[in-house]
Protein backbone atom coordinates (compact mmCIF):
# COMPACT_ATOMS: atom_id res chain seq x y z
CA UNK A 1 107.44 112.24 83.95
CA UNK A 2 110.14 114.60 84.12
CA UNK A 3 110.03 115.81 87.78
CA UNK A 4 109.14 112.09 89.64
CA UNK A 5 112.07 110.85 91.09
CA UNK A 6 113.45 108.43 89.00
CA UNK A 7 117.55 107.13 87.47
CA UNK A 8 117.89 109.56 85.59
CA UNK A 9 118.74 106.33 83.29
CA UNK A 10 115.57 105.21 83.66
CA UNK A 11 113.59 108.72 82.60
CA UNK A 12 115.66 108.83 79.50
CA UNK A 13 115.01 105.54 78.70
CA UNK A 14 111.00 106.10 79.15
CA UNK A 15 111.57 109.25 76.72
CA UNK A 16 113.38 107.15 73.95
CA UNK A 17 110.56 104.52 73.80
CA UNK A 18 107.78 107.14 74.21
CA UNK A 19 109.65 108.22 71.30
CA UNK A 20 109.70 105.59 69.22
CA UNK A 21 106.46 104.15 69.46
CA UNK A 22 103.99 107.47 71.34
CA UNK A 23 100.56 105.38 72.46
CA UNK A 24 101.81 101.97 73.51
CA UNK A 25 105.12 103.26 74.84
CA UNK A 26 102.84 106.34 76.80
CA UNK A 27 100.26 103.58 77.68
CA UNK A 28 103.06 101.14 79.08
CA UNK A 29 104.69 103.64 81.25
CA UNK A 30 101.30 104.51 82.11
CA UNK A 31 100.72 100.66 82.97
CA UNK A 32 104.33 100.65 84.97
CA UNK A 33 103.42 102.84 86.53
CA UNK A 34 100.17 102.28 88.62
CA UNK A 35 101.34 98.80 88.86
CA UNK A 36 97.32 97.33 87.86
CA UNK A 37 98.90 93.97 87.68
CA UNK A 38 100.29 94.09 90.58
CA UNK A 39 97.33 95.52 92.70
CA UNK A 40 95.75 92.72 90.74
CA UNK A 41 97.37 90.15 91.92
CA UNK A 42 97.71 90.97 95.46
CA UNK A 43 94.14 90.97 95.77
CA UNK A 44 94.26 88.02 94.77
CA UNK A 45 96.87 86.45 96.32
CA UNK A 46 94.66 87.89 99.98
CA UNK A 47 91.37 86.62 98.73
CA UNK A 48 93.74 82.95 98.73
CA UNK A 49 95.12 83.14 101.59
CA UNK A 50 91.98 83.43 103.22
CA UNK A 51 90.19 80.70 101.40
CA UNK A 52 93.28 78.72 102.91
CA UNK A 53 93.93 79.69 106.47
CA UNK A 54 91.93 77.30 107.95
CA UNK A 55 94.32 74.43 106.70
CA UNK A 56 96.73 76.24 107.82
CA UNK A 57 96.41 75.80 111.74
CA UNK A 58 98.82 72.88 113.03
CA UNK A 59 96.96 69.85 115.06
CA UNK A 60 99.49 70.25 118.38
CA UNK A 61 99.66 66.30 118.59
CA UNK A 62 101.13 66.42 115.44
CA UNK A 63 103.73 69.15 116.88
CA UNK A 64 104.13 66.42 119.35
CA UNK A 65 104.72 63.76 117.52
CA UNK A 66 107.17 65.98 114.83
CA UNK A 67 109.67 66.89 117.93
C-alpha cells in the first residue's frame, strides 16, 4: 500500500482504518482494491446483455413509421 500510486491523503486514511480495525480494515482494503464486487457485476451485466441482445434489434418498418 505504501508504494502504490494512490493519493497520499487516501493512504493515510487507509492506514488509520487498518490501525483502528486491523482485521476488518485490511479485508476491506483488499476488497476495495481487488474490485471483487465490480467483477461479479460486470459478468452479470455481460450475461444480461447477451440474453437481451435479440430484443434490441430495430424493426425496419417501425423505424420508417417513426420518421
